Amino acid sequence: MLSLWWSKVGGYMKKNEKNDGNALLKFHVHQEFAVLPIVLYAILSGIIMICFHNYSMKAMILAAVLAILVGFLLCANKADYWNAIVRGLAQYGNARLILIFMVIGIFSKLLAVGQIGAGFVWVGMHLHLSGGSFTVFCFLVSSLISMGAGAPIAALLAVVPIFYPAGVLMGADPAILTGAILSGIFFGDALSPSSQVIHTTIASQHDPVTNKSAELLQTMKERLPYLLGAGILSAVLFYFLGASGTAQNPELLQSMCNPKGLWMLLPIILLLIICFKTSDLFIGVTYAILAGIVIGLATGLFQFSDLINIQYDTQEVHGILIDGLSGVVDIIISTILLYGLISIAMEGGIIDKFCNYLTSRKAVQHASGAEAVISIGVGIVNILLAGCVLPSILVFKNIADTIGKKANVPASRRSILLTAMTTNITAIIPINSAFVMGAVTVINQLAASHSYLPVITPFQIFLSSYYCLLLTLICVLWVVFGVGREGSRGFHISYHHAKE
C-alpha cells in the first residue's frame, strides 16, 4: 500500500519537472534525494536511541551531522549546499527561536536555583497530601512551572528531580506519578502564553483571506475548553489511581522542603501577566529574569556568587546566567542543524512538490480531508523525530499552511491541530520519545544515588500519561467528527464578509 502510494507521488512529481528548473539545489540521480537528509536524520536518531540506548539531544545532533554529510555527497552544486543550510538559520522566525531558547534557559535555571520545587514540596507536606492527592498536586504544580518555563523539555528536566523522590516517599505510585509530571508539563505548556510551541505554530499559519498569522489569544481561547476538559479528567484519574502506599521517611521529606522557594512564584506570575498583555515572550521573560534575580537576592534564596561565579584557578565561569545558557546548548545546536535539513529539502523543491501533490487531491481540498492530512502528517513526523515538538512543527508547518489555506481551514484551527497532535501520544511513544526517555534517564540517575527509589519502564510512563492519551481522543473527535469546525468556519466567514 505504501509503495503504491509513493509511486503515485513520484509519478506526479515527474509530471511537474519544471519545478526542478527553479530548484536552487540540484541532486545527483534523482532530485527527490533533496529530502533524503531529513529522512535519514529521523532514521538515524531512532537507531541511536533504540539500538544504543542513548536518550539525549547529542544523539540527535550526531544523526543530523551524519545526514548533512550524506546530503553533501549527493548534492550536485556543493557550493550552494552549505549556503542553503545557513539560509535556514538566517530566517527571522528561526533565529528568533534560538534566542528564545537562550532566555528560557536562563529563566529555568533561575527557578531551579531559587528552589521553587522545594517550596511546593513544603506546601504538599503541610497540606498533608499523600498518594493520589500528591500525584494530582504534582500534576498541577508541573503545569504551573511549565507555564513559566516556556519549553516542555526544559520543564521536564527541572521538575522530575524535585517531585519524583518526594512523591515516592509520600506514597504515590511511581509510574503514575511520572505520568502526572509529564502530563502536567504538556498541559501547562499548552496553557502558557509564553510557550515556544504555540508562538512558533501561530507564526507559521496564515489566514486564507488576509494572509495574516494566527492570533495568540484567539487560538488559545478556541482550544481552552478542550484543554481544560482533558486536564480535569486527567486530574480525576491521577487522584483515584495514583496511590501505591503510605508516606514514609518524614525526616528525609523534611530536608526537601523550603517554604522560601515559593517567592519564585512571583517571577512566573509576572511573566504570564506581561505575555498575556503584550503577546511578547522576550519582554515577559526579560522582566521575569530581572524580577527573579532581585527576589532571590532579597530573600536569601541565592547569593550574587550564584549568579556569576568566576573560578580563577580553573578558568571556569559558572552561575545562573552561564549555566542557564549552557543547559540549552545541545537543544540549540540540534535545532540549528534541523533548520539546515529543512532548508535543504525546501530549496531542493521537494517540499513544494509534496504540497502541490497533496493539494491536488480532491479529498484534501475540503476542510475535513485537509485536517486529516495535517493531523496524520505532523503526527508521523513527530514520531520519527522522537517526539520533539518544535522540530516536528518546523518540518511540517509550511505543508500545513499550504494545505490549510487552500482548503479554507482557519489559521487558528490549524495551529490547534499542530500543537495538539505533537503533544499527544505521538510525543510519548515509549521506544523513542525524548520526553519519556529523558524522564527515565533522570529517574535512573536518581535511583543510582537513592536506594529507596524504584526504576520504571518507558511503557509504564506511556500508559500513565493520561493527559496525552485523552488529548489524542480529542484530536480524533475534532478531525473525524468535525467538533468545533462549524464555529471556526463561521468566525472565518463573518470576518471575510466584514472585510468586504
Protein backbone atom coordinates (compact mmCIF):
# COMPACT_ATOMS: atom_id res chain seq x y z
CA MET A 1 0.00 0.00 0.00
CA LEU A 2 2.74 2.47 1.00
CA SER A 3 4.90 1.64 -2.02
CA LEU A 4 1.91 2.08 -4.36
CA TRP A 5 1.12 5.47 -2.82
CA TRP A 6 4.75 6.59 -3.11
CA SER A 7 4.89 5.52 -6.76
CA LYS A 8 1.88 7.75 -7.43
CA VAL A 9 3.61 10.64 -5.67
CA GLY A 10 6.77 10.04 -7.71
CA GLY A 11 4.74 9.94 -10.92
CA TYR A 12 3.05 13.20 -10.02
CA MET A 13 6.43 14.81 -9.32
CA LYS A 14 7.86 13.74 -12.66
CA LYS A 15 4.91 15.37 -14.43
CA ASN A 16 5.93 18.63 -12.77
CA GLU A 17 9.61 18.68 -13.72
CA LYS A 18 9.50 22.42 -14.44
CA ASN A 19 9.76 22.95 -10.71
CA ASP A 20 13.23 21.37 -10.90
CA GLY A 21 14.34 24.26 -13.06
CA ASN A 22 13.54 26.60 -10.22
CA ALA A 23 15.17 24.43 -7.57
CA LEU A 24 18.24 26.10 -6.12
CA LEU A 25 19.85 22.82 -5.09
CA LYS A 26 20.44 20.08 -7.67
CA PHE A 27 20.97 16.47 -6.65
CA HIS A 28 22.59 13.57 -8.49
CA VAL A 29 20.46 10.73 -9.91
CA HIS A 30 17.09 11.99 -8.57
CA GLN A 31 16.06 15.44 -7.42
CA GLU A 32 13.95 13.70 -4.77
CA PHE A 33 17.21 12.99 -2.93
CA ALA A 34 16.83 16.50 -1.53
CA VAL A 35 14.53 15.03 1.11
CA LEU A 36 16.91 12.16 1.94
CA PRO A 37 18.95 14.06 4.59
CA ILE A 38 15.93 14.80 6.76
CA VAL A 39 14.58 11.24 6.35
CA LEU A 40 18.00 9.86 7.20
CA TYR A 41 18.10 12.13 10.25
CA ALA A 42 14.86 10.62 11.55
CA ILE A 43 16.04 7.06 10.90
CA LEU A 44 19.49 7.52 12.43
CA SER A 45 18.21 9.26 15.55
CA GLY A 46 15.77 6.40 16.08
CA ILE A 47 18.50 3.78 15.58
CA ILE A 48 20.85 5.51 18.04
CA MET A 49 18.15 5.75 20.70
CA ILE A 50 16.62 2.29 20.25
CA CYS A 51 19.69 0.18 19.48
CA PHE A 52 22.32 2.03 21.50
CA HIS A 53 20.01 3.27 24.28
CA ASN A 54 21.38 6.81 24.10
CA TYR A 55 18.47 9.06 25.00
CA SER A 56 19.93 12.54 24.66
CA MET A 57 19.96 15.55 22.37
CA LYS A 58 23.56 14.62 21.43
CA ALA A 59 22.20 11.54 19.68
CA MET A 60 20.02 13.79 17.53
CA ILE A 61 22.96 16.11 16.86
CA LEU A 62 25.05 13.16 15.68
CA ALA A 63 22.22 11.96 13.43
CA ALA A 64 21.84 15.44 11.92
CA VAL A 65 25.58 15.79 11.22
CA LEU A 66 25.72 12.39 9.51
CA ALA A 67 22.60 13.20 7.46
CA ILE A 68 24.05 16.53 6.34
CA LEU A 69 27.30 14.86 5.25
CA VAL A 70 25.41 12.25 3.21
CA GLY A 71 23.36 15.01 1.59
CA PHE A 72 26.55 16.86 0.71
CA LEU A 73 27.82 13.84 -1.25
CA LEU A 74 24.54 13.56 -3.16
CA CYS A 75 24.23 17.28 -3.94
CA ALA A 76 25.37 18.37 -7.41
CA ASN A 77 26.10 22.05 -6.66
CA LYS A 78 28.06 21.65 -3.45
CA ALA A 79 28.96 25.33 -3.10
CA ASP A 80 25.30 26.20 -2.53
CA TYR A 81 24.66 23.26 -0.20
CA TRP A 82 26.08 24.88 2.93
CA ASN A 83 24.68 28.26 1.86
CA ALA A 84 21.22 26.67 1.94
CA ILE A 85 21.88 25.44 5.47
CA VAL A 86 22.92 28.96 6.52
CA ARG A 87 19.82 30.44 4.91
CA GLY A 88 17.72 28.11 7.03
CA LEU A 89 19.13 29.70 10.17
CA ALA A 90 19.04 33.22 8.74
CA GLN A 91 15.24 33.31 8.58
CA TYR A 92 13.86 35.70 11.18
CA GLY A 93 11.49 33.22 12.80
CA ASN A 94 14.18 30.57 13.11
CA ALA A 95 16.80 32.93 14.55
CA ARG A 96 14.20 34.30 16.97
CA LEU A 97 13.50 30.82 18.29
CA ILE A 98 17.21 30.30 19.03
CA LEU A 99 17.21 33.45 21.18
CA ILE A 100 14.06 32.24 22.92
CA PHE A 101 15.88 29.04 23.88
CA MET A 102 18.62 31.17 25.45
CA VAL A 103 16.43 33.39 27.63
CA ILE A 104 14.20 30.47 28.62
CA GLY A 105 17.29 28.50 29.62
CA ILE A 106 18.36 31.28 31.98
CA PHE A 107 14.88 31.61 33.47
CA SER A 108 14.52 27.86 34.03
CA LYS A 109 17.89 27.78 35.80
CA LEU A 110 16.81 30.75 37.92
CA LEU A 111 13.71 28.87 39.10
CA ALA A 112 15.73 25.77 39.92
CA VAL A 113 18.39 27.63 41.93
CA GLY A 114 15.61 29.61 43.61
CA GLN A 115 14.28 26.29 44.97
CA ILE A 116 10.74 26.71 43.71
CA GLY A 117 10.31 22.92 43.80
CA ALA A 118 11.33 22.77 47.47
CA GLY A 119 8.68 25.38 48.18
CA PHE A 120 5.97 23.25 46.60
CA VAL A 121 7.12 20.14 48.48
CA TRP A 122 6.72 22.17 51.69
CA VAL A 123 3.16 23.05 50.64
CA GLY A 124 2.35 19.41 49.93
CA MET A 125 3.59 18.29 53.34
CA HIS A 126 1.69 20.98 55.23
CA LEU A 127 -1.49 20.15 53.35
CA HIS A 128 -0.98 16.51 54.42
CA LEU A 129 -1.10 15.29 50.84
CA SER A 130 -0.18 11.71 50.05
CA GLY A 131 -0.74 9.06 47.42
CA GLY A 132 -3.26 10.15 44.80
CA SER A 133 -3.72 13.66 46.21
CA PHE A 134 0.03 14.34 45.99
CA THR A 135 0.03 12.93 42.44
CA VAL A 136 -2.64 15.47 41.46
CA PHE A 137 -0.62 18.15 43.27
CA CYS A 138 2.44 17.25 41.18
CA PHE A 139 0.33 17.40 38.01
CA LEU A 140 -0.88 20.92 38.85
CA VAL A 141 2.50 22.24 40.02
CA SER A 142 4.27 20.77 36.98
CA SER A 143 1.71 22.62 34.86
CA LEU A 144 2.45 25.88 36.65
CA ILE A 145 6.23 25.52 36.33
CA SER A 146 5.86 24.55 32.67
CA MET A 147 3.79 27.68 32.04
CA GLY A 148 6.74 29.73 33.22
CA ALA A 149 9.47 27.63 31.62
CA GLY A 150 8.14 28.14 28.08
CA ALA A 151 9.69 24.87 26.82
CA PRO A 152 8.39 21.39 27.73
CA ILE A 153 11.78 19.67 27.69
CA ALA A 154 13.30 22.31 29.97
CA ALA A 155 10.42 21.94 32.42
CA LEU A 156 10.78 18.14 32.39
CA LEU A 157 14.43 18.23 33.39
CA ALA A 158 13.66 20.74 36.15
CA VAL A 159 10.59 19.02 37.64
CA VAL A 160 11.36 15.28 37.69
CA PRO A 161 14.34 15.50 40.11
CA ILE A 162 12.20 17.54 42.51
CA PHE A 163 8.93 15.62 42.65
CA TYR A 164 9.85 12.01 41.87
CA PRO A 165 11.75 11.36 45.13
CA ALA A 166 9.25 13.35 47.19
CA GLY A 167 6.25 11.63 45.55
CA VAL A 168 7.62 8.13 46.15
CA LEU A 169 8.20 8.97 49.81
CA MET A 170 4.66 10.34 50.07
CA GLY A 171 3.05 7.13 48.81
CA ALA A 172 2.46 7.93 45.14
CA ASP A 173 2.63 5.22 42.51
CA PRO A 174 6.00 5.79 40.76
CA ALA A 175 4.80 5.19 37.19
CA ILE A 176 1.58 7.22 37.54
CA LEU A 177 3.50 9.96 39.37
CA THR A 178 5.87 10.25 36.40
CA GLY A 179 2.93 10.20 34.00
CA ALA A 180 1.33 13.02 36.02
CA ILE A 181 4.51 15.08 35.84
CA LEU A 182 4.83 14.53 32.09
CA SER A 183 1.12 15.28 31.58
CA GLY A 184 1.41 18.44 33.67
CA ILE A 185 4.35 19.65 31.60
CA PHE A 186 2.38 19.35 28.36
CA PHE A 187 -0.81 20.72 29.93
CA GLY A 188 0.95 23.76 31.38
CA ASP A 189 2.81 24.48 28.15
CA ALA A 190 -0.48 24.35 26.24
CA LEU A 191 -1.99 26.95 28.59
CA SER A 192 1.06 29.22 28.58
CA PRO A 193 1.17 32.44 26.54
CA SER A 194 4.98 32.19 26.74
CA SER A 195 5.15 28.73 25.15
CA GLN A 196 7.68 28.44 22.33
CA VAL A 197 5.47 25.78 20.75
CA ILE A 198 2.39 27.99 20.38
CA HIS A 199 4.41 31.06 19.31
CA THR A 200 6.20 29.08 16.60
CA THR A 201 2.97 27.49 15.40
CA ILE A 202 0.78 30.60 15.17
CA ALA A 203 3.58 32.50 13.37
CA SER A 204 3.68 29.79 10.68
CA GLN A 205 -0.08 29.54 9.97
CA HIS A 206 -1.73 32.27 7.91
CA ASP A 207 -5.32 33.29 7.24
CA PRO A 208 -6.61 32.19 3.81
CA VAL A 209 -8.04 35.67 3.10
CA THR A 210 -5.72 38.21 4.75
CA ASN A 211 -2.57 36.04 4.91
CA LYS A 212 -2.03 37.31 8.46
CA SER A 213 -0.60 34.96 11.06
CA ALA A 214 -2.92 33.32 13.57
CA GLU A 215 -3.63 35.38 16.68
CA LEU A 216 -2.33 34.13 20.02
CA LEU A 217 -5.29 34.99 22.23
CA GLN A 218 -7.89 33.82 19.69
CA THR A 219 -6.13 30.47 19.25
CA MET A 220 -5.78 29.94 22.99
CA LYS A 221 -9.42 30.88 23.57
CA GLU A 222 -10.67 28.38 20.96
CA ARG A 223 -8.76 25.44 22.42
CA LEU A 224 -9.15 26.30 26.12
CA PRO A 225 -12.39 24.31 26.75
CA TYR A 226 -10.88 21.15 25.27
CA LEU A 227 -7.61 21.52 27.18
CA LEU A 228 -9.42 22.13 30.46
CA GLY A 229 -11.66 19.12 29.86
CA ALA A 230 -8.64 16.85 29.30
CA GLY A 231 -6.83 18.38 32.26
CA ILE A 232 -9.73 17.96 34.71
CA LEU A 233 -10.41 14.37 33.68
CA SER A 234 -6.68 13.59 33.93
CA ALA A 235 -6.59 15.01 37.47
CA VAL A 236 -9.51 12.76 38.45
CA LEU A 237 -7.71 9.69 37.11
CA PHE A 238 -4.47 10.66 38.85
CA TYR A 239 -6.33 11.06 42.14
CA PHE A 240 -8.02 7.65 42.09
CA LEU A 241 -5.17 5.67 40.51
CA GLY A 242 -2.08 7.49 41.77
CA ALA A 243 -1.59 5.91 45.21
CA SER A 244 0.68 2.97 45.96
CA GLY A 245 1.05 3.05 49.74
CA THR A 246 1.57 5.27 52.75
CA ALA A 247 4.04 8.09 53.22
CA GLN A 248 7.44 7.13 54.61
CA ASN A 249 10.66 8.67 55.96
CA PRO A 250 9.30 12.07 57.11
CA GLU A 251 12.80 13.22 58.13
CA LEU A 252 14.07 12.87 54.56
CA LEU A 253 10.98 14.63 53.24
CA GLN A 254 11.57 17.50 55.64
CA SER A 255 15.05 18.02 54.19
CA MET A 256 13.49 18.55 50.77
CA CYS A 257 11.32 21.45 51.97
CA ASN A 258 12.00 25.17 51.82
CA PRO A 259 8.98 27.49 52.09
CA LYS A 260 11.08 30.44 50.89
CA GLY A 261 11.15 28.84 47.46
CA LEU A 262 7.55 29.97 46.97
CA TRP A 263 8.85 33.50 46.45
CA MET A 264 9.90 32.37 42.97
CA LEU A 265 6.23 32.16 42.05
CA LEU A 266 6.26 35.94 41.64
CA PRO A 267 8.51 35.95 38.53
CA ILE A 268 6.28 33.30 36.93
CA ILE A 269 3.15 35.35 37.63
CA LEU A 270 4.85 38.47 36.24
CA LEU A 271 5.86 36.57 33.13
CA LEU A 272 2.32 35.34 32.49
CA ILE A 273 0.77 38.77 33.03
CA ILE A 274 3.18 40.52 30.67
CA CYS A 275 2.85 37.82 27.99
CA PHE A 276 -0.96 37.97 28.12
CA LYS A 277 -0.90 41.77 27.81
CA THR A 278 1.85 42.17 25.21
CA SER A 279 1.99 38.74 23.49
CA ASP A 280 5.76 39.34 23.50
CA LEU A 281 7.70 36.47 25.03
CA PHE A 282 11.02 38.33 25.08
CA ILE A 283 9.65 41.23 27.11
CA GLY A 284 7.92 38.89 29.56
CA VAL A 285 10.92 36.62 30.13
CA THR A 286 13.35 39.52 30.46
CA TYR A 287 11.31 41.21 33.17
CA ALA A 288 10.75 37.83 34.85
CA ILE A 289 14.51 37.16 34.94
CA LEU A 290 15.26 40.59 36.39
CA ALA A 291 12.46 40.22 38.97
CA GLY A 292 13.66 36.72 39.87
CA ILE A 293 17.22 37.96 40.46
CA VAL A 294 16.02 40.75 42.75
CA ILE A 295 13.64 38.43 44.65
CA GLY A 296 16.23 35.67 45.01
CA LEU A 297 18.89 38.03 46.37
CA ALA A 298 16.46 39.89 48.64
CA THR A 299 15.05 36.71 50.19
CA GLY A 300 18.41 34.97 50.51
CA LEU A 301 17.45 32.11 48.19
CA PHE A 302 20.77 32.60 46.46
CA GLN A 303 23.82 34.86 46.62
CA PHE A 304 25.45 37.02 43.98
CA SER A 305 28.04 34.27 43.51
CA ASP A 306 25.17 32.02 42.35
CA LEU A 307 24.54 34.47 39.52
CA ILE A 308 28.15 34.87 38.39
CA ASN A 309 30.93 32.67 39.70
CA ILE A 310 34.37 33.10 38.13
CA GLN A 311 36.81 30.42 39.25
CA TYR A 312 40.29 31.84 38.71
CA ASP A 313 42.17 28.64 39.48
CA THR A 314 40.36 26.57 36.84
CA GLN A 315 39.49 29.48 34.50
CA GLU A 316 35.85 28.39 34.51
CA VAL A 317 32.75 30.57 34.71
CA HIS A 318 29.57 29.29 36.34
CA GLY A 319 26.35 30.71 37.74
CA ILE A 320 22.71 31.06 36.80
CA LEU A 321 23.39 33.18 33.72
CA ILE A 322 26.12 31.00 32.21
CA ASP A 323 24.81 27.61 33.35
CA GLY A 324 21.33 28.53 32.09
CA LEU A 325 22.77 29.08 28.62
CA SER A 326 24.99 26.00 28.83
CA GLY A 327 21.98 23.86 29.66
CA VAL A 328 20.32 24.58 26.31
CA VAL A 329 23.41 24.37 24.08
CA ASP A 330 22.55 20.87 22.84
CA ILE A 331 18.97 21.93 22.09
CA ILE A 332 20.22 24.98 20.19
CA ILE A 333 22.76 23.04 18.12
CA SER A 334 20.20 20.34 17.32
CA THR A 335 17.68 22.98 16.23
CA ILE A 336 20.22 24.82 14.06
CA LEU A 337 21.12 21.61 12.25
CA LEU A 338 17.45 20.76 11.84
CA TYR A 339 16.85 24.19 10.25
CA GLY A 340 19.55 23.27 7.76
CA LEU A 341 17.96 19.91 6.93
CA ILE A 342 14.58 21.55 6.40
CA SER A 343 16.16 24.24 4.20
CA ILE A 344 17.85 21.58 2.03
CA ALA A 345 14.51 19.87 1.39
CA MET A 346 12.78 23.18 0.67
CA GLU A 347 15.44 24.59 -1.65
CA GLY A 348 15.60 21.26 -3.43
CA GLY A 349 11.95 21.84 -4.37
CA ILE A 350 10.67 18.69 -2.67
CA ILE A 351 8.50 20.33 -0.02
CA ASP A 352 6.71 22.42 -2.66
CA LYS A 353 6.22 19.36 -4.85
CA PHE A 354 4.81 17.38 -1.96
CA CYS A 355 2.45 20.24 -1.09
CA ASN A 356 1.29 20.52 -4.70
CA TYR A 357 0.67 16.78 -4.83
CA LEU A 358 -1.38 16.79 -1.64
CA THR A 359 -3.42 19.87 -2.55
CA SER A 360 -4.23 18.37 -5.95
CA ARG A 361 -6.09 15.53 -4.26
CA LYS A 362 -9.84 16.16 -4.10
CA ALA A 363 -10.17 14.92 -0.52
CA VAL A 364 -7.58 17.41 0.73
CA GLN A 365 -9.36 20.33 -0.93
CA HIS A 366 -12.13 20.03 1.70
CA ALA A 367 -11.70 21.03 5.32
CA SER A 368 -12.16 17.54 6.72
CA GLY A 369 -9.61 15.97 4.38
CA ALA A 370 -7.11 18.79 4.91
CA GLU A 371 -7.39 18.48 8.67
CA ALA A 372 -6.89 14.71 8.48
CA VAL A 373 -3.76 15.09 6.35
CA ILE A 374 -2.36 17.79 8.64
CA SER A 375 -3.02 15.72 11.76
CA ILE A 376 -1.68 12.43 10.43
CA GLY A 377 1.27 14.08 8.70
CA VAL A 378 2.57 16.06 11.65
CA GLY A 379 1.88 13.09 13.94
CA ILE A 380 4.07 10.79 11.83
CA VAL A 381 6.82 13.41 11.64
CA ASN A 382 6.67 13.86 15.42
CA ILE A 383 7.07 10.13 15.99
CA LEU A 384 10.03 9.99 13.58
CA LEU A 385 11.66 12.96 15.33
CA ALA A 386 11.44 11.28 18.76
CA GLY A 387 8.51 13.37 19.97
CA CYS A 388 10.48 16.63 19.77
CA VAL A 389 7.57 19.02 19.39
CA LEU A 390 9.26 22.11 17.95
CA PRO A 391 11.37 20.35 15.29
CA SER A 392 8.30 18.44 14.13
CA ILE A 393 6.28 21.62 13.75
CA LEU A 394 9.19 23.28 11.95
CA VAL A 395 9.32 20.42 9.46
CA PHE A 396 5.59 20.33 8.77
CA LYS A 397 4.47 23.94 9.26
CA ASN A 398 4.74 25.01 5.61
CA ILE A 399 2.88 21.95 4.38
CA ALA A 400 0.11 22.57 6.92
CA ASP A 401 -0.10 26.23 5.94
CA THR A 402 -0.35 25.49 2.21
CA ILE A 403 -2.91 22.72 2.59
CA GLY A 404 -4.95 24.63 5.17
CA LYS A 405 -5.20 27.84 3.16
CA LYS A 406 -6.32 26.03 0.01
CA ALA A 407 -8.97 24.11 1.96
CA ASN A 408 -10.07 27.30 3.76
CA VAL A 409 -9.22 25.95 7.23
CA PRO A 410 -8.78 28.89 9.64
CA ALA A 411 -5.22 29.56 10.77
CA SER A 412 -6.18 29.24 14.43
CA ARG A 413 -7.69 25.78 13.89
CA ARG A 414 -4.58 24.62 12.04
CA SER A 415 -2.43 25.90 14.90
CA ILE A 416 -4.53 23.97 17.40
CA LEU A 417 -4.24 20.76 15.38
CA LEU A 418 -0.47 21.09 15.00
CA THR A 419 0.16 21.69 18.70
CA ALA A 420 -2.33 19.05 19.84
CA MET A 421 -1.02 16.34 17.50
CA THR A 422 2.58 16.93 18.60
CA THR A 423 1.78 16.79 22.33
CA ASN A 424 -0.49 13.73 22.43
CA ILE A 425 0.63 10.09 22.17
CA THR A 426 2.97 10.94 19.28
CA ALA A 427 5.20 12.71 21.84
CA ILE A 428 5.37 9.78 24.27
CA ILE A 429 5.95 6.71 22.08
CA PRO A 430 7.88 4.55 24.57
CA ILE A 431 10.57 3.27 22.17
CA ASN A 432 11.99 6.63 21.12
CA SER A 433 10.29 9.58 22.85
CA ALA A 434 12.81 12.20 24.01
CA PHE A 435 10.42 13.10 26.85
CA VAL A 436 9.85 9.55 28.07
CA MET A 437 13.50 8.60 27.66
CA GLY A 438 14.57 11.84 29.30
CA ALA A 439 12.39 11.09 32.33
CA VAL A 440 13.69 7.51 32.52
CA THR A 441 17.28 8.76 32.33
CA VAL A 442 16.77 11.22 35.19
CA ILE A 443 14.96 8.61 37.30
CA ASN A 444 17.74 6.05 36.72
CA GLN A 445 20.31 8.61 37.86
CA LEU A 446 18.26 9.34 40.98
CA ALA A 447 17.77 5.64 41.71
CA ALA A 448 21.52 5.05 41.44
CA SER A 449 22.06 7.55 44.26
CA HIS A 450 18.98 6.74 46.37
CA SER A 451 18.21 3.09 47.04
CA TYR A 452 14.61 3.78 48.08
CA LEU A 453 13.67 4.97 44.58
CA PRO A 454 12.24 2.36 42.14
CA VAL A 455 13.08 2.24 38.44
CA ILE A 456 10.20 2.34 35.94
CA THR A 457 9.94 1.46 32.25
CA PRO A 458 9.09 3.74 29.31
CA PHE A 459 5.97 1.68 28.61
CA GLN A 460 4.68 2.30 32.15
CA ILE A 461 5.11 6.06 31.66
CA PHE A 462 3.30 5.88 28.32
CA LEU A 463 0.26 4.16 29.87
CA SER A 464 0.22 6.61 32.81
CA SER A 465 0.36 9.88 30.82
CA TYR A 466 -3.40 10.32 30.92
CA TYR A 467 -3.49 13.87 29.59
CA CYS A 468 -1.63 12.90 26.40
CA LEU A 469 -3.89 9.89 25.89
CA LEU A 470 -7.05 11.99 26.37
CA LEU A 471 -5.71 14.70 24.05
CA THR A 472 -5.38 12.05 21.35
CA LEU A 473 -9.07 11.23 21.73
CA ILE A 474 -9.93 14.93 21.45
CA CYS A 475 -7.91 15.20 18.22
CA VAL A 476 -9.86 12.28 16.76
CA LEU A 477 -13.15 13.94 17.69
CA TRP A 478 -12.00 17.21 16.13
CA VAL A 479 -10.96 15.71 12.84
CA VAL A 480 -13.28 12.73 12.32
CA PHE A 481 -16.48 14.28 13.69
CA GLY A 482 -15.66 17.91 12.93
CA VAL A 483 -16.03 19.12 16.51
CA GLY A 484 -15.56 22.90 16.54
CA ARG A 485 -15.29 23.08 12.75
CA GLU A 486 -18.56 24.93 12.17
CA GLY A 487 -17.76 27.51 14.82
CA SER A 488 -14.36 28.16 13.36
CA ARG A 489 -15.73 28.37 9.84
CA GLY A 490 -18.47 30.69 10.96
CA PHE A 491 -15.95 33.04 12.50
CA HIS A 492 -13.92 33.00 9.33
CA ILE A 493 -16.90 33.67 7.06
CA SER A 494 -18.18 36.56 9.18
CA TYR A 495 -14.68 38.05 9.20
CA HIS A 496 -14.47 37.69 5.44
CA HIS A 497 -17.78 39.50 4.92
CA ALA A 498 -16.67 42.23 7.29
CA LYS A 499 -13.61 42.79 5.12
CA GLU A 500 -15.79 43.05 2.04
